[in-house]
Each structure stands twice: as structure tokens, then as C-alpha cells.
Amino acid sequence: MRSLVGPVPEPAERANSTLRRCARATLALDGATSDVALAHRSPDTADLWVALPMAHAETIPPGGVSARLEVLDVILGGAADGRCRRVVVVDGRVRWSDPRDQRRAAPDIARDLPDTALLGVGADLALVRLRAERILLADSDGVTDIAPDDLATSGPDPFTDLEGIWLEHLNDPRCGVVPRLALRVCRCLPAERPLLVGIDRAGVDLEYEGRDDRTHLRRLPFAEACVTVADLGRQIRLLAGCPPARYALDRAALRP
């Protein structure tokens, strides 16, 4: 994976994180739309294994068919749970996979991405292969075209699987970290409690209501990119204005 550049993870990394979470997704082919239970990128490629209901997968012709995968990056955890913050669209060609290939692929996927959906492969679900030809990322920065090679050589944020737990904990009214973060961008705390709506190795995303009664989104970058959970806790404390010397005494306040 390429090193982090700048205060925000690169678009390919954000897209990979969205695909890994796959909180809500659909696959459109031949005019029909099917719910997607799981999407997993094959290592070192832009190809995706997509778990579909068996009835929809069986309609794919032997030579494959053009398809569009839409994945919503829905916030998991905290008061903003269920809100969509970005969308990844993957256009490409989807092919039906031999049942033996599906059975071999399922355990390989499970080692990297344990998901109960994989238990249904071969019964009510089927794994189909989507070869990405065009990838679009739509978020607060606009719409970005991502080259398949960039998606293949990048990877998800290392805290993708833990983000929901951290958001749940830090947005709890009993935790005083978020108000301290808000004071970095507001002279006084707004009437409505600010929310953390994103955490990654490069920083946090804070949402708050301004004096103009509009909702604002601010990026608070870390002093340095995080590698471990300990790094993440330390950088959040620094953003909140807590001196490092107190970390050993108060670390439980940041432990999800």
C-alpha cells in the first residue's frame, strides 16, 4: 500500500474502505437491481467478488454481462448511525463463477473479511466476479474518477473495521472528547452537541451546527498518520488538547 500523502486518505483508499464496509450496496445488470450482501476486492487486482442472491446470479449469461455496483458508505455507530457519507460506483463486467471456484474463494475471503454472509454461499447466495473498468467516488470533496490500477495497489484504512466502535464510544454524551474537539473550530459550543462522523488514520471528521444555523463538516488532521490503536488514541487526545503525560492516567476515556 502506498504511504499516506496529506491530511486526508487518498481517493483510492477511501474507496477501498467503503467497499470493505459494504454497509449498503446494489448491483444492477440487465435492467434488474439486486441487493449485495458482500463485496471483496481480490488481492493486487481491481476485481471484486460480489455476493448476490442465487436467483439473481443464475440470470448472468455464460459470457458475462455489463453491470454497475453502487456501494453506500453508511456511518456505523454513534448518533449519526445509518447516514450515508460517500458513494462508490464500479462499472464493469460481471461473470458467473463455477460453484467449485466459489467454494474455494469463500474461505480465502473469510480469512481477510469474516462475514456471516459467506455461510450462505452455495445455498441462497452466490459469488460472482466483477471486473472493474471504471470507479467513481462521490463524497464531500466532489466526484473523483479512480483508475483500476490505483484501486488495486491501495487498500482500506487500517481502522475501517473498528471505526464504528470508536464513533459509538466517542459520541456518547458521557465522553467529553468530542466537545473538546469542537472547541478547536468553535469559540463556544453550539446548542446541539457536535458529532464525530468519521475516523481514519489521518484524522477525524467533525460535524457541528454553526452560528448561521447550518450544519458544517470540518476535517481535523492528526499530527502524524496512525498505525496502531494506541497511535489513534494518542492522536485523538492531542487534538482534544489533552497533554501526552496524562494519557497513561486517562487512557480508559478513549478505549472503545
C-alpha atoms as a PDB file:
ATOM      1  CA  MET A   1       0.000   0.000   0.000  1.00  0.00           C
ATOM      2  CA  ARG A   2       1.267   3.460  -0.842  1.00  0.00           C
ATOM      3  CA  SER A   3       2.127   5.779   2.034  1.00  0.00           C
ATOM      4  CA  LEU A   4      -0.346   8.405   3.196  1.00  0.00           C
ATOM      5  CA  VAL A   5       0.001  11.788   1.497  1.00  0.00           C
ATOM      6  CA  GLY A   6      -1.661  14.841   3.042  1.00  0.00           C
ATOM      7  CA  PRO A   7      -4.270  15.201   5.807  1.00  0.00           C
ATOM      8  CA  VAL A   8      -6.923  13.035   4.097  1.00  0.00           C
ATOM      9  CA  PRO A   9      -6.535   9.461   2.791  1.00  0.00           C
ATOM     10  CA  GLU A  10      -6.286   9.339  -0.979  1.00  0.00           C
ATOM     11  CA  PRO A  11      -9.470   8.597  -3.007  1.00  0.00           C
ATOM     12  CA  ALA A  12      -8.444   5.003  -3.768  1.00  0.00           C
ATOM     13  CA  GLU A  13      -8.023   4.307  -0.054  1.00  0.00           C
ATOM     14  CA  ARG A  14     -11.396   5.855   0.772  1.00  0.00           C
ATOM     15  CA  ALA A  15     -12.999   3.756  -1.980  1.00  0.00           C
ATOM     16  CA  ASN A  16     -11.364   0.588  -0.637  1.00  0.00           C
ATOM     17  CA  SER A  17     -12.635   1.365   2.868  1.00  0.00           C
ATOM     18  CA  THR A  18     -16.163   1.851   1.512  1.00  0.00           C
ATOM     19  CA  LEU A  19     -16.031  -1.435  -0.397  1.00  0.00           C
ATOM     20  CA  ARG A  20     -14.788  -3.288   2.668  1.00  0.00           C
ATOM     21  CA  ARG A  21     -17.596  -1.967   4.878  1.00  0.00           C
ATOM     22  CA  CYS A  22     -20.172  -2.526   2.110  1.00  0.00           C
ATOM     23  CA  ALA A  23     -22.874  -1.396   4.538  1.00  0.00           C
ATOM     24  CA  ARG A  24     -25.481  -0.989   1.797  1.00  0.00           C
ATOM     25  CA  ALA A  25     -24.966  -1.972  -1.843  1.00  0.00           C
ATOM     26  CA  THR A  26     -26.788  -2.950  -5.026  1.00  0.00           C
ATOM     27  CA  LEU A  27     -25.733  -4.488  -8.347  1.00  0.00           C
ATOM     28  CA  ALA A  28     -27.596  -3.505 -11.493  1.00  0.00           C
ATOM     29  CA  LEU A  29     -27.464  -5.834 -14.507  1.00  0.00           C
ATOM     30  CA  ASP A  30     -29.787  -6.238 -17.491  1.00  0.00           C
ATOM     31  CA  GLY A  31     -32.201  -3.691 -16.078  1.00  0.00           C
ATOM     32  CA  ALA A  32     -32.630  -5.581 -12.796  1.00  0.00           C
ATOM     33  CA  THR A  33     -31.207  -4.500  -9.448  1.00  0.00           C
ATOM     34  CA  SER A  34     -30.131  -6.905  -6.733  1.00  0.00           C
ATOM     35  CA  ASP A  35     -29.081  -6.310  -3.143  1.00  0.00           C
ATOM     36  CA  VAL A  36     -25.441  -7.148  -2.444  1.00  0.00           C
ATOM     37  CA  ALA A  37     -24.550  -8.989   0.751  1.00  0.00           C
ATOM     38  CA  LEU A  38     -20.766  -8.553   0.470  1.00  0.00           C
ATOM     39  CA  ALA A  39     -18.086  -7.120  -1.828  1.00  0.00           C
ATOM     40  CA  HIS A  40     -14.446  -8.137  -1.543  1.00  0.00           C
ATOM     41  CA  ARG A  41     -11.561  -6.968  -3.707  1.00  0.00           C
ATOM     42  CA  SER A  42      -9.192  -9.700  -4.851  1.00  0.00           C
ATOM     43  CA  PRO A  43      -5.596  -9.028  -3.735  1.00  0.00           C
ATOM     44  CA  ASP A  44      -3.484  -6.931  -6.148  1.00  0.00           C
ATOM     45  CA  THR A  45      -6.350  -6.542  -8.648  1.00  0.00           C
ATOM     46  CA  ALA A  46      -9.378  -4.311  -9.150  1.00  0.00           C
ATOM     47  CA  ASP A  47     -11.607  -7.394  -9.484  1.00  0.00           C
ATOM     48  CA  LEU A  48     -14.341  -7.825  -6.889  1.00  0.00           C
ATOM     49  CA  TRP A  49     -16.070 -10.889  -5.530  1.00  0.00           C
ATOM     50  CA  VAL A  50     -19.721  -9.912  -5.055  1.00  0.00           C
ATOM     51  CA  ALA A  51     -22.212 -11.979  -3.065  1.00  0.00           C
ATOM     52  CA  LEU A  52     -25.670 -11.984  -4.692  1.00  0.00           C
ATOM     53  CA  PRO A  53     -28.896 -13.895  -4.090  1.00  0.00           C
ATOM     54  CA  MET A  54     -28.629 -17.155  -6.028  1.00  0.00           C
ATOM     55  CA  ALA A  55     -31.756 -16.399  -8.078  1.00  0.00           C
ATOM     56  CA  HIS A  56     -30.193 -13.195  -9.457  1.00  0.00           C
ATOM     57  CA  ALA A  57     -26.733 -14.695 -10.009  1.00  0.00           C
ATOM     58  CA  GLU A  58     -28.194 -17.509 -12.121  1.00  0.00           C
ATOM     59  CA  THR A  59     -29.522 -14.981 -14.651  1.00  0.00           C
ATOM     60  CA  ILE A  60     -25.965 -13.973 -15.668  1.00  0.00           C
ATOM     61  CA  PRO A  61     -25.197 -15.373 -19.144  1.00  0.00           C
ATOM     62  CA  PRO A  62     -22.075 -17.571 -19.686  1.00  0.00           C
ATOM     63  CA  GLY A  63     -20.151 -14.765 -21.377  1.00  0.00           C
ATOM     64  CA  GLY A  64     -20.902 -12.269 -18.639  1.00  0.00           C
ATOM     65  CA  VAL A  65     -22.817  -9.007 -18.741  1.00  0.00           C
ATOM     66  CA  SER A  66     -22.183  -5.324 -18.070  1.00  0.00           C
ATOM     67  CA  ALA A  67     -23.042  -4.321 -14.522  1.00  0.00           C
ATOM     68  CA  ARG A  68     -22.920  -1.395 -12.116  1.00  0.00           C
ATOM     69  CA  LEU A  69     -22.135  -1.824  -8.436  1.00  0.00           C
ATOM     70  CA  GLU A  70     -23.213   1.020  -6.128  1.00  0.00           C
ATOM     71  CA  VAL A  71     -21.914   0.937  -2.566  1.00  0.00           C
ATOM     72  CA  LEU A  72     -23.084   3.437   0.061  1.00  0.00           C
ATOM     73  CA  ASP A  73     -20.609   4.199   2.825  1.00  0.00           C
ATOM     74  CA  VAL A  74     -23.047   4.356   5.706  1.00  0.00           C
ATOM     75  CA  ILE A  75     -21.817   5.526   9.104  1.00  0.00           C
ATOM     76  CA  LEU A  76     -21.846   2.620  11.536  1.00  0.00           C
ATOM     77  CA  GLY A  77     -22.017   3.596  15.201  1.00  0.00           C
ATOM     78  CA  GLY A  78     -22.914   6.654  17.210  1.00  0.00           C
ATOM     79  CA  ALA A  79     -25.686   9.199  16.859  1.00  0.00           C
ATOM     80  CA  ALA A  80     -25.094   9.502  13.089  1.00  0.00           C
ATOM     81  CA  ASP A  81     -25.560   5.758  12.540  1.00  0.00           C
ATOM     82  CA  GLY A  82     -27.156   4.969   9.174  1.00  0.00           C
ATOM     83  CA  ARG A  83     -26.228   8.244   7.464  1.00  0.00           C
ATOM     84  CA  CYS A  84     -24.542   7.996   4.045  1.00  0.00           C
ATOM     85  CA  ARG A  85     -21.302   9.979   3.717  1.00  0.00           C
ATOM     86  CA  ARG A  86     -19.952   8.757   0.361  1.00  0.00           C
ATOM     87  CA  VAL A  87     -20.823   6.538  -2.591  1.00  0.00           C
ATOM     88  CA  VAL A  88     -18.586   4.292  -4.683  1.00  0.00           C
ATOM     89  CA  VAL A  89     -19.768   3.280  -8.155  1.00  0.00           C
ATOM     90  CA  VAL A  90     -17.986   0.480 -10.005  1.00  0.00           C
ATOM     91  CA  ASP A  91     -18.821  -0.120 -13.673  1.00  0.00           C
ATOM     92  CA  GLY A  92     -17.540  -3.322 -15.233  1.00  0.00           C
ATOM     93  CA  ARG A  93     -18.382  -6.786 -16.440  1.00  0.00           C
ATOM     94  CA  VAL A  94     -19.727  -9.435 -14.125  1.00  0.00           C
ATOM     95  CA  ARG A  95     -19.294 -13.163 -14.748  1.00  0.00           C
ATOM     96  CA  TRP A  96     -20.823 -16.228 -13.184  1.00  0.00           C
ATOM     97  CA  SER A  97     -18.256 -18.348 -11.349  1.00  0.00           C
ATOM     98  CA  ASP A  98     -18.124 -22.122 -11.266  1.00  0.00           C
ATOM     99  CA  PRO A  99     -19.529 -23.432  -7.930  1.00  0.00           C
ATOM    100  CA  ARG A 100     -16.168 -25.048  -7.170  1.00  0.00           C
ATOM    101  CA  ASP A 101     -14.420 -21.690  -7.628  1.00  0.00           C
ATOM    102  CA  GLN A 102     -16.982 -20.098  -5.304  1.00  0.00           C
ATOM    103  CA  ARG A 103     -16.353 -22.704  -2.608  1.00  0.00           C
ATOM    104  CA  ARG A 104     -12.602 -22.156  -2.885  1.00  0.00           C
ATOM    105  CA  ALA A 105     -12.966 -18.369  -2.810  1.00  0.00           C
ATOM    106  CA  ALA A 106     -15.251 -18.209   0.247  1.00  0.00           C
ATOM    107  CA  PRO A 107     -12.653 -19.385   2.837  1.00  0.00           C
ATOM    108  CA  ASP A 108      -9.993 -17.122   1.282  1.00  0.00           C
ATOM    109  CA  ILE A 109     -12.337 -14.131   1.642  1.00  0.00           C
ATOM    110  CA  ALA A 110     -13.271 -15.130   5.198  1.00  0.00           C
ATOM    111  CA  ARG A 111      -9.631 -15.066   6.303  1.00  0.00           C
ATOM    112  CA  ASP A 112      -9.441 -11.383   5.382  1.00  0.00           C
ATOM    113  CA  LEU A 113     -13.066 -10.348   5.888  1.00  0.00           C
ATOM    114  CA  PRO A 114     -15.042 -12.584   8.253  1.00  0.00           C
ATOM    115  CA  ASP A 115     -18.690 -12.137   7.340  1.00  0.00           C
ATOM    116  CA  THR A 116     -21.676 -14.315   8.089  1.00  0.00           C
ATOM    117  CA  ALA A 117     -22.882 -13.788   4.505  1.00  0.00           C
ATOM    118  CA  LEU A 118     -20.183 -16.211   3.369  1.00  0.00           C
ATOM    119  CA  LEU A 119     -22.019 -19.015   5.172  1.00  0.00           C
ATOM    120  CA  GLY A 120     -24.772 -18.734   2.563  1.00  0.00           C
ATOM    121  CA  VAL A 121     -22.502 -19.209  -0.473  1.00  0.00           C
ATOM    122  CA  GLY A 122     -23.680 -22.231  -2.438  1.00  0.00           C
ATOM    123  CA  ALA A 123     -27.126 -22.147  -0.822  1.00  0.00           C
ATOM    124  CA  ASP A 124     -29.049 -18.877  -1.019  1.00  0.00           C
ATOM    125  CA  LEU A 125     -26.052 -16.773  -2.117  1.00  0.00           C
ATOM    126  CA  ALA A 126     -23.569 -16.981  -4.978  1.00  0.00           C
ATOM    127  CA  LEU A 127     -20.196 -15.292  -5.508  1.00  0.00           C
ATOM    128  CA  VAL A 128     -19.823 -13.603  -8.890  1.00  0.00           C
ATOM    129  CA  ARG A 129     -16.744 -11.882 -10.269  1.00  0.00           C
ATOM    130  CA  LEU A 130     -16.889  -8.202 -11.234  1.00  0.00           C
ATOM    131  CA  ARG A 131     -14.006  -6.848 -13.300  1.00  0.00           C
ATOM    132  CA  ALA A 132     -13.824  -3.122 -12.636  1.00  0.00           C
ATOM    133  CA  GLU A 133     -13.488  -0.891 -15.693  1.00  0.00           C
ATOM    134  CA  ARG A 134     -14.419   2.451 -14.130  1.00  0.00           C
ATOM    135  CA  ILE A 135     -14.583   3.512 -10.470  1.00  0.00           C
ATOM    136  CA  LEU A 136     -16.165   6.719  -9.192  1.00  0.00           C
ATOM    137  CA  LEU A 137     -16.017   8.094  -5.656  1.00  0.00           C
ATOM    138  CA  ALA A 138     -18.580  10.725  -4.649  1.00  0.00           C
ATOM    139  CA  ASP A 139     -18.156  12.447  -1.285  1.00  0.00           C
ATOM    140  CA  SER A 140     -17.853  15.904   0.268  1.00  0.00           C
ATOM    141  CA  ASP A 141     -14.813  16.595  -1.946  1.00  0.00           C
ATOM    142  CA  GLY A 142     -16.850  16.053  -5.125  1.00  0.00           C
ATOM    143  CA  VAL A 143     -16.722  13.248  -7.673  1.00  0.00           C
ATOM    144  CA  THR A 144     -13.365  11.559  -8.310  1.00  0.00           C
ATOM    145  CA  ASP A 145     -12.511   9.100 -11.083  1.00  0.00           C
ATOM    146  CA  ILE A 146     -10.263   6.331  -9.725  1.00  0.00           C
ATOM    147  CA  ALA A 147      -8.112   4.231 -12.043  1.00  0.00           C
ATOM    148  CA  PRO A 148      -8.493   0.460 -11.544  1.00  0.00           C
ATOM    149  CA  ASP A 149      -4.715   0.182 -11.024  1.00  0.00           C
ATOM    150  CA  ASP A 150      -4.909   2.729  -8.179  1.00  0.00           C
ATOM    151  CA  LEU A 151      -7.670   0.722  -6.500  1.00  0.00           C
ATOM    152  CA  ALA A 152      -5.604  -2.459  -6.900  1.00  0.00           C
ATOM    153  CA  THR A 153      -2.414  -1.021  -5.380  1.00  0.00           C
ATOM    154  CA  SER A 154      -4.108   0.752  -2.486  1.00  0.00           C
ATOM    155  CA  GLY A 155      -6.042  -0.723   0.430  1.00  0.00           C
ATOM    156  CA  PRO A 156      -8.625   0.180   3.084  1.00  0.00           C
ATOM    157  CA  ASP A 157      -7.868   2.356   6.083  1.00  0.00           C
ATOM    158  CA  PRO A 158      -6.411   0.151   8.857  1.00  0.00           C
ATOM    159  CA  PHE A 159      -9.184   1.232  11.256  1.00  0.00           C
ATOM    160  CA  THR A 160     -12.083   0.528   8.889  1.00  0.00           C
ATOM    161  CA  ASP A 161     -13.349  -2.442  10.918  1.00  0.00           C
ATOM    162  CA  LEU A 162     -13.065  -0.552  14.238  1.00  0.00           C
ATOM    163  CA  GLU A 163     -14.391   2.844  13.222  1.00  0.00           C
ATOM    164  CA  GLY A 164     -17.982   2.161  14.269  1.00  0.00           C
ATOM    165  CA  ILE A 165     -16.889   1.133  17.778  1.00  0.00           C
ATOM    166  CA  TRP A 166     -14.853   4.319  18.181  1.00  0.00           C
ATOM    167  CA  LEU A 167     -17.683   6.527  16.891  1.00  0.00           C
ATOM    168  CA  GLU A 168     -20.140   4.859  19.259  1.00  0.00           C
ATOM    169  CA  HIS A 169     -17.859   5.463  22.225  1.00  0.00           C
ATOM    170  CA  LEU A 170     -16.633   8.981  21.464  1.00  0.00           C
ATOM    171  CA  ASN A 171     -20.110  10.295  20.565  1.00  0.00           C
ATOM    172  CA  ASP A 172     -21.527   9.047  23.850  1.00  0.00           C
ATOM    173  CA  PRO A 173     -22.660  12.120  25.865  1.00  0.00           C
ATOM    174  CA  ARG A 174     -20.729  10.753  28.860  1.00  0.00           C
ATOM    175  CA  CYS A 175     -17.457  11.083  26.915  1.00  0.00           C
ATOM    176  CA  GLY A 176     -16.057  14.613  26.944  1.00  0.00           C
ATOM    177  CA  VAL A 177     -13.682  14.260  23.997  1.00  0.00           C
ATOM    178  CA  VAL A 178     -15.962  15.478  21.179  1.00  0.00           C
ATOM    179  CA  PRO A 179     -16.848  18.819  22.844  1.00  0.00           C
ATOM    180  CA  ARG A 180     -13.120  19.446  23.351  1.00  0.00           C
ATOM    181  CA  LEU A 181     -12.527  18.725  19.655  1.00  0.00           C
ATOM    182  CA  ALA A 182     -15.339  21.120  18.738  1.00  0.00           C
ATOM    183  CA  LEU A 183     -13.650  23.958  20.639  1.00  0.00           C
ATOM    184  CA  ARG A 184     -10.881  23.808  18.035  1.00  0.00           C
ATOM    185  CA  VAL A 185     -13.324  25.119  15.424  1.00  0.00           C
ATOM    186  CA  CYS A 186     -15.956  26.945  17.559  1.00  0.00           C
ATOM    187  CA  ARG A 187     -15.366  29.716  20.084  1.00  0.00           C
ATOM    188  CA  CYS A 188     -18.218  28.313  22.127  1.00  0.00           C
ATOM    189  CA  LEU A 189     -20.054  25.019  21.940  1.00  0.00           C
ATOM    190  CA  PRO A 190     -23.237  25.032  19.822  1.00  0.00           C
ATOM    191  CA  ALA A 191     -26.588  24.241  21.440  1.00  0.00           C
ATOM    192  CA  GLU A 192     -26.732  20.914  19.603  1.00  0.00           C
ATOM    193  CA  ARG A 193     -23.947  18.512  20.535  1.00  0.00           C
ATOM    194  CA  PRO A 194     -21.274  18.180  17.808  1.00  0.00           C
ATOM    195  CA  LEU A 195     -20.727  14.738  16.301  1.00  0.00           C
ATOM    196  CA  LEU A 196     -17.776  12.770  15.047  1.00  0.00           C
ATOM    197  CA  VAL A 197     -18.830  11.308  11.711  1.00  0.00           C
ATOM    198  CA  GLY A 198     -15.529   9.814  10.558  1.00  0.00           C
ATOM    199  CA  ILE A 199     -12.263   8.438  11.920  1.00  0.00           C
ATOM    200  CA  ASP A 200      -9.300   7.199   9.921  1.00  0.00           C
ATOM    201  CA  ARG A 201      -5.537   7.000  10.261  1.00  0.00           C
ATOM    202  CA  ALA A 202      -5.072  10.598   9.079  1.00  0.00           C
ATOM    203  CA  GLY A 203      -7.632  12.445  11.198  1.00  0.00           C
ATOM    204  CA  VAL A 204     -11.266  12.838  12.209  1.00  0.00           C
ATOM    205  CA  ASP A 205     -14.349  14.447  10.627  1.00  0.00           C
ATOM    206  CA  LEU A 206     -16.388  16.678  12.917  1.00  0.00           C
ATOM    207  CA  GLU A 207     -19.935  17.840  12.226  1.00  0.00           C
ATOM    208  CA  TYR A 208     -21.396  20.802  14.098  1.00  0.00           C
ATOM    209  CA  GLU A 209     -24.047  23.489  13.820  1.00  0.00           C
ATOM    210  CA  GLY A 210     -22.652  26.980  13.208  1.00  0.00           C
ATOM    211  CA  ARG A 211     -23.965  30.396  14.193  1.00  0.00           C
ATOM    212  CA  ASP A 212     -25.638  30.558  10.786  1.00  0.00           C
ATOM    213  CA  ASP A 213     -27.820  27.577  11.853  1.00  0.00           C
ATOM    214  CA  ARG A 214     -26.235  25.493   9.105  1.00  0.00           C
ATOM    215  CA  THR A 215     -24.503  22.152   9.570  1.00  0.00           C
ATOM    216  CA  HIS A 216     -20.769  22.275   8.893  1.00  0.00           C
ATOM    217  CA  LEU A 217     -18.239  19.498   8.324  1.00  0.00           C
ATOM    218  CA  ARG A 218     -14.649  20.094   9.396  1.00  0.00           C
ATOM    219  CA  ARG A 219     -11.622  17.892   8.939  1.00  0.00           C
ATOM    220  CA  LEU A 220      -9.212  17.785  11.898  1.00  0.00           C
ATOM    221  CA  PRO A 221      -5.976  16.131  10.723  1.00  0.00           C
ATOM    222  CA  PHE A 222      -3.632  14.309  13.078  1.00  0.00           C
ATOM    223  CA  ALA A 223      -0.061  15.458  13.579  1.00  0.00           C
ATOM    224  CA  GLU A 224       1.051  12.160  12.071  1.00  0.00           C
ATOM    225  CA  ALA A 225      -0.600   9.148  10.488  1.00  0.00           C
ATOM    226  CA  CYS A 226      -1.624   6.356  12.869  1.00  0.00           C
ATOM    227  CA  VAL A 227      -0.578   2.741  12.547  1.00  0.00           C
ATOM    228  CA  THR A 228      -1.810   1.176  15.786  1.00  0.00           C
ATOM    229  CA  VAL A 229      -4.846   1.653  18.020  1.00  0.00           C
ATOM    230  CA  ALA A 230      -2.511   3.203  20.613  1.00  0.00           C
ATOM    231  CA  ASP A 231      -1.434   5.762  17.987  1.00  0.00           C
ATOM    232  CA  LEU A 232      -5.071   6.548  17.254  1.00  0.00           C
ATOM    233  CA  GLY A 233      -5.930   7.145  20.904  1.00  0.00           C
ATOM    234  CA  ARG A 234      -2.851   9.327  21.358  1.00  0.00           C
ATOM    235  CA  GLN A 235      -3.584  11.493  18.321  1.00  0.00           C
ATOM    236  CA  ILE A 236      -7.240  11.986  19.295  1.00  0.00           C
ATOM    237  CA  ARG A 237      -6.134  13.074  22.758  1.00  0.00           C
ATOM    238  CA  LEU A 238      -3.695  15.563  21.275  1.00  0.00           C
ATOM    239  CA  LEU A 239      -6.457  17.013  19.076  1.00  0.00           C
ATOM    240  CA  ALA A 240      -8.661  17.291  22.165  1.00  0.00           C
ATOM    241  CA  GLY A 241      -5.947  19.293  23.932  1.00  0.00           C
ATOM    242  CA  CYS A 242      -5.007  16.626  26.468  1.00  0.00           C
ATOM    243  CA  PRO A 243      -1.243  16.546  27.197  1.00  0.00           C
ATOM    244  CA  PRO A 244       0.513  13.241  26.403  1.00  0.00           C
ATOM    245  CA  ALA A 245       1.703  12.957  30.019  1.00  0.00           C
ATOM    246  CA  ARG A 246      -1.890  12.370  31.158  1.00  0.00           C
ATOM    247  CA  TYR A 247      -2.538   9.615  28.639  1.00  0.00           C
ATOM    248  CA  ALA A 248      -1.469   6.784  30.953  1.00  0.00           C
ATOM    249  CA  LEU A 249      -3.891   8.021  33.636  1.00  0.00           C
ATOM    250  CA  ASP A 250      -6.880   8.733  31.393  1.00  0.00           C
ATOM    251  CA  ARG A 251      -6.491   6.242  28.549  1.00  0.00           C
ATOM    252  CA  ALA A 252      -9.694   4.441  29.593  1.00  0.00           C
ATOM    253  CA  ALA A 253     -11.647   7.500  28.384  1.00  0.00           C
ATOM    254  CA  LEU A 254     -10.555   6.675  24.833  1.00  0.00           C
ATOM    255  CA  ARG A 255     -10.788   2.912  24.960  1.00  0.00           C
ATOM    256  CA  PRO A 256     -13.790   1.651  22.954  1.00  0.00           C
END
